Amino acid sequence: SLMYIGTPLQGFEKVSGWDDQQYRKVQKQFTNKVQNSLIDKYDMEAGILRSVYLDEARAGQAGNKFEVLWWNPFLEDEQFVEAVNSDFAFAILSITFVWIWICVHTSSLFIGSRSMLQII
């Protein structure tokens, strides 16, 4: 089924365009309400480097389960931002770990820093 979300919202005169202030307002409201409801309903959990959407959205008793697949541009945008932030944090942690490792084993911040500049 489809859920259409109408604009203009109260306080706006024109219909929402792609990625404008009205779009972001609707996106925030939608993801806060709908996404959290779906996650709670299907007991889905996220991990440190694991998306909540890797869990199956299944409900019902054993043998009579049904699966739910949902997609929405609002959820897609939100998941993209979460994935990018998670990947970026992992990259920063990796770089920091390697820099510390080099500095400890060479006993030199200068060599460690220059080495990381070459690696990056």
C-alpha atoms as a PDB file:
ATOM      1  CA  SER A   1       0.000   0.000   0.000  1.00  0.00           C
ATOM      2  CA  LEU A   2       1.046   3.604  -0.435  1.00  0.00           C
ATOM      3  CA  MET A   3       0.907   6.460   2.022  1.00  0.00           C
ATOM      4  CA  TYR A   4       0.713   9.874   0.425  1.00  0.00           C
ATOM      5  CA  ILE A   5       1.842  12.811   2.495  1.00  0.00           C
ATOM      6  CA  GLY A   6       0.349  16.138   1.452  1.00  0.00           C
ATOM      7  CA  THR A   7       1.767  19.591   1.450  1.00  0.00           C
ATOM      8  CA  PRO A   8       1.667  22.543   1.899  1.00  0.00           C
ATOM      9  CA  LEU A   9       1.906  22.255   5.647  1.00  0.00           C
ATOM     10  CA  GLN A  10       0.399  24.821   7.962  1.00  0.00           C
ATOM     11  CA  GLY A  11       2.459  28.009   7.756  1.00  0.00           C
ATOM     12  CA  PHE A  12       3.670  27.309   4.192  1.00  0.00           C
ATOM     13  CA  GLU A  13       2.098  28.692   1.025  1.00  0.00           C
ATOM     14  CA  LYS A  14       3.583  26.466  -1.702  1.00  0.00           C
ATOM     15  CA  VAL A  15       3.702  22.725  -2.250  1.00  0.00           C
ATOM     16  CA  SER A  16       6.896  21.145  -0.987  1.00  0.00           C
ATOM     17  CA  GLY A  17       9.812  20.772  -3.357  1.00  0.00           C
ATOM     18  CA  TRP A  18      12.500  18.116  -3.182  1.00  0.00           C
ATOM     19  CA  ASP A  19      14.771  18.679  -0.172  1.00  0.00           C
ATOM     20  CA  ASP A  20      13.407  22.050   0.942  1.00  0.00           C
ATOM     21  CA  GLN A  21      12.504  23.143   4.483  1.00  0.00           C
ATOM     22  CA  GLN A  22       8.998  21.679   4.245  1.00  0.00           C
ATOM     23  CA  TYR A  23      10.331  18.357   2.935  1.00  0.00           C
ATOM     24  CA  ARG A  24      12.781  18.101   5.846  1.00  0.00           C
ATOM     25  CA  LYS A  25      10.022  18.920   8.349  1.00  0.00           C
ATOM     26  CA  VAL A  26       7.773  16.166   6.974  1.00  0.00           C
ATOM     27  CA  GLN A  27      10.752  13.773   6.838  1.00  0.00           C
ATOM     28  CA  LYS A  28      11.591  14.380  10.490  1.00  0.00           C
ATOM     29  CA  GLN A  29       7.985  13.899  11.615  1.00  0.00           C
ATOM     30  CA  PHE A  30       7.558  10.792   9.470  1.00  0.00           C
ATOM     31  CA  THR A  31      10.759   9.077  10.543  1.00  0.00           C
ATOM     32  CA  ASN A  32      10.200   9.870  14.212  1.00  0.00           C
ATOM     33  CA  LYS A  33       6.700   8.412  14.242  1.00  0.00           C
ATOM     34  CA  VAL A  34       6.569   5.683  11.614  1.00  0.00           C
ATOM     35  CA  GLN A  35      10.138   4.359  11.726  1.00  0.00           C
ATOM     36  CA  ASN A  36      10.121   4.027  15.506  1.00  0.00           C
ATOM     37  CA  SER A  37       6.698   2.351  15.459  1.00  0.00           C
ATOM     38  CA  LEU A  38       7.835  -0.227  12.893  1.00  0.00           C
ATOM     39  CA  ILE A  39      11.060  -0.934  14.757  1.00  0.00           C
ATOM     40  CA  ASP A  40       9.180  -1.405  18.044  1.00  0.00           C
ATOM     41  CA  LYS A  41       6.474  -3.571  16.455  1.00  0.00           C
ATOM     42  CA  TYR A  42       8.964  -6.029  14.945  1.00  0.00           C
ATOM     43  CA  ASP A  43      11.483  -5.945  17.843  1.00  0.00           C
ATOM     44  CA  MET A  44      14.339  -4.826  15.609  1.00  0.00           C
ATOM     45  CA  GLU A  45      17.629  -3.757  17.205  1.00  0.00           C
ATOM     46  CA  ALA A  46      20.667  -1.884  15.936  1.00  0.00           C
ATOM     47  CA  GLY A  47      24.262  -2.461  16.950  1.00  0.00           C
ATOM     48  CA  ILE A  48      27.341  -0.261  17.016  1.00  0.00           C
ATOM     49  CA  LEU A  49      28.236  -0.934  13.377  1.00  0.00           C
ATOM     50  CA  ARG A  50      24.985  -2.650  12.419  1.00  0.00           C
ATOM     51  CA  SER A  51      21.861  -1.162  10.888  1.00  0.00           C
ATOM     52  CA  VAL A  52      18.515  -1.826  12.525  1.00  0.00           C
ATOM     53  CA  TYR A  53      17.220  -2.858   9.085  1.00  0.00           C
ATOM     54  CA  LEU A  54      19.382  -5.985   8.985  1.00  0.00           C
ATOM     55  CA  ASP A  55      16.850  -7.697  11.279  1.00  0.00           C
ATOM     56  CA  GLU A  56      13.938  -9.350   9.547  1.00  0.00           C
ATOM     57  CA  ALA A  57      10.611  -7.588   9.961  1.00  0.00           C
ATOM     58  CA  ARG A  58       8.530 -10.642  10.795  1.00  0.00           C
ATOM     59  CA  ALA A  59       5.408 -11.003  12.894  1.00  0.00           C
ATOM     60  CA  GLY A  60       3.055 -13.795  13.835  1.00  0.00           C
ATOM     61  CA  GLN A  61       3.363 -17.204  15.424  1.00  0.00           C
ATOM     62  CA  ALA A  62       5.911 -19.782  14.288  1.00  0.00           C
ATOM     63  CA  GLY A  63       4.929 -21.206  10.916  1.00  0.00           C
ATOM     64  CA  ASN A  64       2.428 -18.410  10.285  1.00  0.00           C
ATOM     65  CA  LYS A  65       4.856 -15.525  10.056  1.00  0.00           C
ATOM     66  CA  PHE A  66       4.600 -12.830   7.450  1.00  0.00           C
ATOM     67  CA  GLU A  67       7.349 -10.498   6.301  1.00  0.00           C
ATOM     68  CA  VAL A  68       7.083  -6.774   5.819  1.00  0.00           C
ATOM     69  CA  LEU A  69       9.150  -4.828   3.323  1.00  0.00           C
ATOM     70  CA  TRP A  70       8.928  -1.082   3.433  1.00  0.00           C
ATOM     71  CA  TRP A  71      10.627   1.635   1.483  1.00  0.00           C
ATOM     72  CA  ASN A  72      10.192   5.355   1.529  1.00  0.00           C
ATOM     73  CA  PRO A  73      12.434   8.211   0.384  1.00  0.00           C
ATOM     74  CA  PHE A  74      12.325   9.634   3.907  1.00  0.00           C
ATOM     75  CA  LEU A  75      13.598   6.386   5.410  1.00  0.00           C
ATOM     76  CA  GLU A  76      16.108   5.976   2.596  1.00  0.00           C
ATOM     77  CA  ASP A  77      17.599   9.423   3.241  1.00  0.00           C
ATOM     78  CA  GLU A  78      17.755   8.760   6.969  1.00  0.00           C
ATOM     79  CA  GLN A  79      19.449   5.386   6.495  1.00  0.00           C
ATOM     80  CA  PHE A  80      21.933   6.843   4.030  1.00  0.00           C
ATOM     81  CA  VAL A  81      22.974   9.510   6.532  1.00  0.00           C
ATOM     82  CA  GLU A  82      23.277   6.914   9.318  1.00  0.00           C
ATOM     83  CA  ALA A  83      25.377   4.613   7.109  1.00  0.00           C
ATOM     84  CA  VAL A  84      27.708   7.428   6.037  1.00  0.00           C
ATOM     85  CA  ASN A  85      28.172   8.618   9.623  1.00  0.00           C
ATOM     86  CA  SER A  86      28.844   5.091  10.857  1.00  0.00           C
ATOM     87  CA  ASP A  87      31.348   4.386   8.069  1.00  0.00           C
ATOM     88  CA  PHE A  88      33.095   7.719   8.605  1.00  0.00           C
ATOM     89  CA  ALA A  89      33.409   7.082  12.353  1.00  0.00           C
ATOM     90  CA  PHE A  90      34.856   3.623  11.636  1.00  0.00           C
ATOM     91  CA  ALA A  91      37.406   5.142   9.221  1.00  0.00           C
ATOM     92  CA  ILE A  92      38.475   7.785  11.760  1.00  0.00           C
ATOM     93  CA  LEU A  93      38.875   5.131  14.460  1.00  0.00           C
ATOM     94  CA  SER A  94      40.945   2.984  12.094  1.00  0.00           C
ATOM     95  CA  ILE A  95      43.239   5.869  11.176  1.00  0.00           C
ATOM     96  CA  THR A  96      43.687   6.800  14.833  1.00  0.00           C
ATOM     97  CA  PHE A  97      44.483   3.207  15.801  1.00  0.00           C
ATOM     98  CA  VAL A  98      47.094   2.855  13.049  1.00  0.00           C
ATOM     99  CA  TRP A  99      48.648   6.226  13.954  1.00  0.00           C
ATOM    100  CA  ILE A 100      48.935   5.236  17.636  1.00  0.00           C
ATOM    101  CA  TRP A 101      50.329   1.826  16.651  1.00  0.00           C
ATOM    102  CA  ILE A 102      53.041   3.408  14.481  1.00  0.00           C
ATOM    103  CA  CYS A 103      53.905   6.024  17.133  1.00  0.00           C
ATOM    104  CA  VAL A 104      54.254   3.398  19.871  1.00  0.00           C
ATOM    105  CA  HIS A 105      56.398   1.043  17.824  1.00  0.00           C
ATOM    106  CA  THR A 106      58.670   3.742  16.377  1.00  0.00           C
ATOM    107  CA  SER A 107      58.716   5.779  19.627  1.00  0.00           C
ATOM    108  CA  SER A 108      58.282   8.900  17.538  1.00  0.00           C
ATOM    109  CA  LEU A 109      55.258  11.138  17.004  1.00  0.00           C
ATOM    110  CA  PHE A 110      57.019  12.715  14.028  1.00  0.00           C
ATOM    111  CA  ILE A 111      57.545   9.404  12.210  1.00  0.00           C
ATOM    112  CA  GLY A 112      54.035   8.245  13.111  1.00  0.00           C
ATOM    113  CA  SER A 113      52.484  11.470  11.831  1.00  0.00           C
ATOM    114  CA  ARG A 114      54.528  11.536   8.623  1.00  0.00           C
ATOM    115  CA  SER A 115      53.717   7.868   8.012  1.00  0.00           C
ATOM    116  CA  MET A 116      49.983   8.503   8.392  1.00  0.00           C
ATOM    117  CA  LEU A 117      50.203  11.423   5.968  1.00  0.00           C
ATOM    118  CA  GLN A 118      51.747   9.071   3.421  1.00  0.00           C
ATOM    119  CA  ILE A 119      49.142   6.371   4.047  1.00  0.00           C
ATOM    120  CA  ILE A 120      46.218   8.766   3.788  1.00  0.00           C
END
